[in-house]
Protein backbone atom coordinates (compact mmCIF):
# COMPACT_ATOMS: atom_id res chain seq x y z
CA MET A 1 14.07 20.39 15.60
CA ASN A 2 13.88 16.71 16.59
CA THR A 3 16.18 15.97 19.49
CA VAL A 4 14.83 12.51 20.24
CA SER A 5 17.56 9.88 20.09
CA LYS A 6 17.62 6.49 18.44
CA GLU A 7 18.00 4.95 21.92
CA GLN A 8 14.89 6.74 23.23
CA LEU A 9 12.87 5.57 20.24
CA THR A 10 14.13 2.01 20.70
CA GLU A 11 13.00 2.07 24.35
CA LEU A 12 9.55 3.25 23.28
CA VAL A 13 8.97 0.67 20.53
CA GLN A 14 10.53 -2.45 22.11
CA PRO A 15 7.63 -3.28 24.49
CA SER A 16 5.11 -3.26 21.62
CA LEU A 17 7.30 -5.57 19.55
CA ARG A 18 7.83 -7.99 22.45
CA HIS A 19 4.08 -8.04 23.07
CA LEU A 20 3.54 -8.99 19.41
CA GLY A 21 6.22 -11.71 19.60
CA LEU A 22 8.59 -9.91 17.24
CA ASP A 23 12.23 -8.83 17.43
CA LEU A 24 13.65 -5.45 16.50
CA VAL A 25 16.53 -6.12 14.10
CA ASP A 26 17.26 -2.49 13.27
CA LEU A 27 15.91 0.97 13.96
CA GLN A 28 16.94 3.87 11.74
CA TRP A 29 16.06 7.42 12.64
CA ARG A 30 16.44 10.19 10.04
CA PRO A 31 15.31 13.56 11.40
CA GLY A 32 14.50 16.24 8.85
CA ARG A 33 11.69 18.27 7.32
CA THR A 34 9.70 15.05 7.19
CA SER A 35 11.50 12.70 9.56
CA ILE A 36 11.67 8.98 8.83
CA LEU A 37 11.57 6.21 11.43
CA ARG A 38 12.39 2.81 9.89
CA LEU A 39 11.88 -0.40 11.85
CA VAL A 40 13.19 -3.75 10.63
CA ILE A 41 11.46 -6.61 12.45
CA ASP A 42 11.88 -10.37 12.48
CA CYS A 43 10.77 -13.57 14.20
CA ALA A 44 11.62 -17.26 13.95
CA ALA A 45 8.61 -18.01 11.74
CA GLY A 46 9.38 -15.12 9.39
CA VAL A 47 7.61 -11.80 9.02
CA THR A 48 4.31 -11.41 7.19
CA LEU A 49 2.67 -8.31 5.79
CA ASP A 50 0.12 -8.60 8.62
CA ASP A 51 2.99 -8.47 11.15
CA CYS A 52 4.27 -5.25 9.58
CA GLU A 53 0.77 -3.77 9.67
CA ARG A 54 0.25 -4.75 13.34
CA VAL A 55 3.61 -3.21 14.30
CA SER A 56 2.80 -0.04 12.39
CA HIS A 57 -0.50 0.36 14.27
CA ALA A 58 0.93 -0.54 17.70
CA VAL A 59 4.07 1.59 17.40
CA GLY A 60 2.10 4.44 15.83
CA ALA A 61 -0.23 4.45 18.85
CA VAL A 62 2.73 4.51 21.27
CA LEU A 63 4.39 7.35 19.38
CA ASP A 64 1.12 9.28 19.29
CA ALA A 65 0.67 8.81 23.05
CA TYR A 66 4.23 9.80 24.06
CA ASP A 67 4.71 12.28 21.18
CA PRO A 68 8.55 12.14 21.16
CA ILE A 69 8.85 13.34 17.56
CA ALA A 70 8.27 17.01 16.81
CA GLY A 71 6.51 17.63 13.51
CA ARG A 72 5.66 15.22 10.74
CA TYR A 73 7.29 11.84 10.36
CA ALA A 74 6.93 8.70 8.29
CA LEU A 75 6.93 5.29 9.98
CA GLU A 76 8.22 2.45 7.81
CA VAL A 77 8.10 -1.18 8.97
CA SER A 78 9.72 -4.04 7.05
CA SER A 79 11.33 -7.46 7.33
CA PRO A 80 15.08 -7.98 6.88
CA GLY A 81 14.47 -9.63 3.49
CA ALA A 82 15.28 -13.06 2.12
CA GLU A 83 19.04 -12.59 1.71
CA ARG A 84 19.37 -10.70 4.94
CA PRO A 85 22.68 -9.86 6.56
CA LEU A 86 23.57 -11.76 9.73
CA GLN A 87 24.46 -9.24 12.40
CA THR A 88 23.30 -10.40 15.81
CA ASP A 89 23.89 -13.69 17.63
CA THR A 90 20.15 -14.38 17.36
CA GLU A 91 20.28 -14.00 13.56
CA TRP A 92 23.33 -16.27 13.34
CA GLN A 93 21.61 -18.90 15.52
CA ALA A 94 18.46 -18.75 13.38
CA ALA A 95 20.61 -19.37 10.28
CA VAL A 96 21.96 -22.74 11.48
CA GLY A 97 21.08 -25.29 8.80
CA ARG A 98 20.80 -22.65 6.08
CA ARG A 99 23.21 -21.71 3.32
CA ILE A 100 25.19 -18.54 4.02
CA ASN A 101 27.76 -16.39 2.25
CA VAL A 102 30.60 -15.13 4.45
CA ARG A 103 33.23 -12.51 3.65
CA LEU A 104 36.16 -12.76 6.04
CA ARG A 105 39.69 -11.61 6.70
CA SER A 106 42.40 -14.08 5.83
CA GLY A 107 45.72 -12.55 6.83
CA ASP A 108 46.07 -9.33 4.82
CA ALA A 109 43.49 -10.40 2.25
CA GLU A 110 39.77 -11.08 2.16
CA MET A 111 38.06 -14.25 1.05
CA VAL A 112 34.47 -15.32 0.43
CA VAL A 113 33.12 -18.68 1.53
CA GLU A 114 29.67 -20.06 0.85
CA GLY A 115 28.22 -23.10 2.54
CA ARG A 116 25.68 -24.54 4.95
CA LEU A 117 26.02 -23.27 8.52
CA LEU A 118 26.30 -26.44 10.60
CA SER A 119 26.93 -25.13 14.09
CA LEU A 120 27.70 -22.03 16.03
CA ASP A 121 29.80 -21.34 19.11
CA PRO A 122 30.37 -17.95 20.74
CA GLY A 123 33.67 -17.47 18.88
CA SER A 124 33.33 -19.65 15.81
CA ALA A 125 31.05 -21.02 13.13
CA GLU A 126 31.29 -24.34 11.31
CA LEU A 127 30.31 -24.49 7.63
CA GLU A 128 30.00 -27.26 5.12
CA ALA A 129 31.32 -25.88 1.83
CA ARG A 130 31.94 -27.47 -1.55
CA ASP A 131 35.46 -27.61 -2.93
CA ARG A 132 35.13 -28.82 -6.50
CA ASN A 133 33.03 -31.98 -6.07
CA ARG A 134 33.85 -32.65 -2.41
CA ARG A 135 32.17 -31.40 0.70
CA LYS A 136 34.52 -29.82 3.18
CA ARG A 137 33.98 -28.68 6.78
CA LEU A 138 35.40 -25.29 7.66
CA SER A 139 35.73 -23.67 11.05
CA LEU A 140 35.58 -19.88 10.86
CA ALA A 141 36.56 -17.49 13.64
CA ARG A 142 33.64 -15.07 14.07
CA ALA A 143 36.15 -12.29 14.81
CA ASP A 144 37.42 -12.65 11.21
CA VAL A 145 33.95 -12.23 9.67
CA ILE A 146 33.54 -8.93 7.85
CA ALA A 147 30.00 -9.62 6.59
CA ALA A 148 27.66 -12.57 6.31
CA ARG A 149 24.26 -13.07 4.74
CA ILE A 150 21.72 -15.81 4.11
CA VAL A 151 21.69 -17.22 0.58
CA VAL A 152 18.33 -18.12 -0.90
CA ASP A 153 18.27 -21.51 -2.64
CA ILE A 154 16.34 -21.26 -5.90
């Protein structure tokens, strides 16, 4: 049985990612007959297939050396994707200047706003949205945000 925790795995993989100049966005650990360790990585310049391959080799070597996982496991490394959710302050900051879709609480209801993220403060975000044919600046309280994601312009 695998008793290694998500926190222990995070501590093991973080140094390799930092050394490669990459950030760990998410780590998912699914123990089982064949356990699965999923790493989602990112960086300011975007993640390439080569980055995923380098992380797979580096993290695989660390896991082989420390052997924290009993039995077989699969290691999956990926990027957050083009229309990635914004979860951390770093992800929000990297999205300044980009178009985002935000679902937020508005009283007892929910509303969806889409616009260009203009600026970011610890407690708020300023968007430029379109209302009919006019551009409109909106200030959103980050505490009211339920979910947010980058929108890809096609």
